[in-house]
């Protein structure tokens, strides 16, 4: 993942402008609220293919779902998160 995107992701996490989980991300996408999507490198192939239907830029996080959860400061694994505009 590009450094520019990583920096923006950290800023959005700090300001609580992220949606955690596939379902929340899809809902926000339908409402036109998303800027981009980040997903863990070990995401389920079925979910990865479903993400293709979301019409925003998508970035693969360099780490797995555990590393993405640590980056978000959460105690549970995160496979997909949406970043709000």
C-alpha atoms as a PDB file:
ATOM      1  CA  UNK A   1       0.000   0.000   0.000  1.00  0.00           C
ATOM      2  CA  UNK A   2       1.263   3.453  -0.874  1.00  0.00           C
ATOM      3  CA  UNK A   3       2.656   5.650   1.911  1.00  0.00           C
ATOM      4  CA  UNK A   4       0.229   8.445   0.994  1.00  0.00           C
ATOM      5  CA  UNK A   5      -2.723   6.098   1.495  1.00  0.00           C
ATOM      6  CA  UNK A   6      -1.294   4.755   4.776  1.00  0.00           C
ATOM      7  CA  UNK A   7      -0.940   8.300   6.105  1.00  0.00           C
ATOM      8  CA  UNK A   8      -4.500   9.194   5.085  1.00  0.00           C
ATOM      9  CA  UNK A   9      -5.802   5.971   6.658  1.00  0.00           C
ATOM     10  CA  UNK A  10      -4.130   6.790   9.983  1.00  0.00           C
ATOM     11  CA  UNK A  11      -5.637  10.290   9.929  1.00  0.00           C
ATOM     12  CA  UNK A  12      -9.123   8.926   9.221  1.00  0.00           C
ATOM     13  CA  UNK A  13      -8.815   6.284  11.961  1.00  0.00           C
ATOM     14  CA  UNK A  14      -7.840   8.954  14.494  1.00  0.00           C
ATOM     15  CA  UNK A  15     -10.804  11.121  13.485  1.00  0.00           C
ATOM     16  CA  UNK A  16     -13.141   8.073  13.545  1.00  0.00           C
ATOM     17  CA  UNK A  17     -14.036   8.402   9.867  1.00  0.00           C
ATOM     18  CA  UNK A  18     -13.854   4.669   9.160  1.00  0.00           C
ATOM     19  CA  UNK A  19     -16.475   1.952   8.879  1.00  0.00           C
ATOM     20  CA  UNK A  20     -15.379  -1.470  10.044  1.00  0.00           C
ATOM     21  CA  UNK A  21     -16.631  -4.571   8.293  1.00  0.00           C
ATOM     22  CA  UNK A  22     -17.855  -5.573   4.871  1.00  0.00           C
ATOM     23  CA  UNK A  23     -21.568  -4.902   5.477  1.00  0.00           C
ATOM     24  CA  UNK A  24     -21.025  -1.375   6.830  1.00  0.00           C
ATOM     25  CA  UNK A  25     -18.684  -0.626   3.956  1.00  0.00           C
ATOM     26  CA  UNK A  26     -21.209  -1.786   1.340  1.00  0.00           C
ATOM     27  CA  UNK A  27     -24.017   0.268   2.923  1.00  0.00           C
ATOM     28  CA  UNK A  28     -21.848   3.391   2.944  1.00  0.00           C
ATOM     29  CA  UNK A  29     -20.851   2.754  -0.655  1.00  0.00           C
ATOM     30  CA  UNK A  30     -24.495   2.611  -1.733  1.00  0.00           C
ATOM     31  CA  UNK A  31     -25.059   5.952   0.022  1.00  0.00           C
ATOM     32  CA  UNK A  32     -22.035   7.540  -1.693  1.00  0.00           C
ATOM     33  CA  UNK A  33     -20.186   8.050   1.600  1.00  0.00           C
ATOM     34  CA  UNK A  34     -16.915   6.251   0.816  1.00  0.00           C
ATOM     35  CA  UNK A  35     -13.614   7.681  -0.313  1.00  0.00           C
ATOM     36  CA  UNK A  36     -11.801   4.323  -0.507  1.00  0.00           C
ATOM     37  CA  UNK A  37     -11.726   0.774   0.885  1.00  0.00           C
ATOM     38  CA  UNK A  38      -8.870  -1.015   2.630  1.00  0.00           C
ATOM     39  CA  UNK A  39      -8.802  -4.784   3.016  1.00  0.00           C
ATOM     40  CA  UNK A  40      -6.422  -7.189   4.733  1.00  0.00           C
ATOM     41  CA  UNK A  41      -4.006  -9.247   2.667  1.00  0.00           C
ATOM     42  CA  UNK A  42      -5.525 -12.501   3.972  1.00  0.00           C
ATOM     43  CA  UNK A  43      -9.130 -11.627   3.128  1.00  0.00           C
ATOM     44  CA  UNK A  44     -11.515 -14.378   2.060  1.00  0.00           C
ATOM     45  CA  UNK A  45     -11.457 -14.716  -1.763  1.00  0.00           C
ATOM     46  CA  UNK A  46     -15.262 -14.549  -1.869  1.00  0.00           C
ATOM     47  CA  UNK A  47     -15.320 -11.203  -0.088  1.00  0.00           C
ATOM     48  CA  UNK A  48     -12.465  -9.936  -2.232  1.00  0.00           C
ATOM     49  CA  UNK A  49     -14.486 -10.650  -5.376  1.00  0.00           C
ATOM     50  CA  UNK A  50     -17.571  -8.953  -3.888  1.00  0.00           C
ATOM     51  CA  UNK A  51     -15.500  -5.849  -3.205  1.00  0.00           C
ATOM     52  CA  UNK A  52     -15.078  -5.472  -6.964  1.00  0.00           C
ATOM     53  CA  UNK A  53     -18.717  -4.288  -7.088  1.00  0.00           C
ATOM     54  CA  UNK A  54     -17.895  -1.272  -4.930  1.00  0.00           C
ATOM     55  CA  UNK A  55     -17.104   1.679  -7.168  1.00  0.00           C
ATOM     56  CA  UNK A  56     -14.334   3.357  -5.127  1.00  0.00           C
ATOM     57  CA  UNK A  57     -10.574   2.809  -5.057  1.00  0.00           C
ATOM     58  CA  UNK A  58      -9.547  -0.318  -3.142  1.00  0.00           C
ATOM     59  CA  UNK A  59      -6.206  -0.914  -1.430  1.00  0.00           C
ATOM     60  CA  UNK A  60      -4.749  -4.098  -0.005  1.00  0.00           C
ATOM     61  CA  UNK A  61      -3.237  -3.553   3.442  1.00  0.00           C
ATOM     62  CA  UNK A  62       0.321  -4.865   3.672  1.00  0.00           C
ATOM     63  CA  UNK A  63      -0.528  -6.994   6.708  1.00  0.00           C
ATOM     64  CA  UNK A  64      -3.175  -9.522   7.599  1.00  0.00           C
ATOM     65  CA  UNK A  65      -6.466  -8.867   9.409  1.00  0.00           C
ATOM     66  CA  UNK A  66      -4.724  -8.942  12.785  1.00  0.00           C
ATOM     67  CA  UNK A  67      -2.242  -6.264  11.704  1.00  0.00           C
ATOM     68  CA  UNK A  68      -5.069  -4.131  10.291  1.00  0.00           C
ATOM     69  CA  UNK A  69      -6.920  -4.390  13.609  1.00  0.00           C
ATOM     70  CA  UNK A  70      -3.807  -3.237  15.466  1.00  0.00           C
ATOM     71  CA  UNK A  71      -3.495  -0.266  13.105  1.00  0.00           C
ATOM     72  CA  UNK A  72      -7.110   0.634  13.943  1.00  0.00           C
ATOM     73  CA  UNK A  73      -6.594   0.150  17.680  1.00  0.00           C
ATOM     74  CA  UNK A  74      -9.158  -2.646  17.899  1.00  0.00           C
ATOM     75  CA  UNK A  75      -8.994  -5.921  19.817  1.00  0.00           C
ATOM     76  CA  UNK A  76     -10.667  -7.943  17.051  1.00  0.00           C
ATOM     77  CA  UNK A  77      -9.525  -8.813  13.544  1.00  0.00           C
ATOM     78  CA  UNK A  78     -10.566  -6.495  10.727  1.00  0.00           C
ATOM     79  CA  UNK A  79     -10.756  -7.801   7.173  1.00  0.00           C
ATOM     80  CA  UNK A  80     -12.427  -4.796   5.473  1.00  0.00           C
ATOM     81  CA  UNK A  81     -12.842  -1.171   6.340  1.00  0.00           C
ATOM     82  CA  UNK A  82     -14.328   1.740   4.468  1.00  0.00           C
ATOM     83  CA  UNK A  83     -12.929   5.245   4.743  1.00  0.00           C
ATOM     84  CA  UNK A  84     -15.528   7.994   4.693  1.00  0.00           C
ATOM     85  CA  UNK A  85     -15.216  11.104   2.534  1.00  0.00           C
END
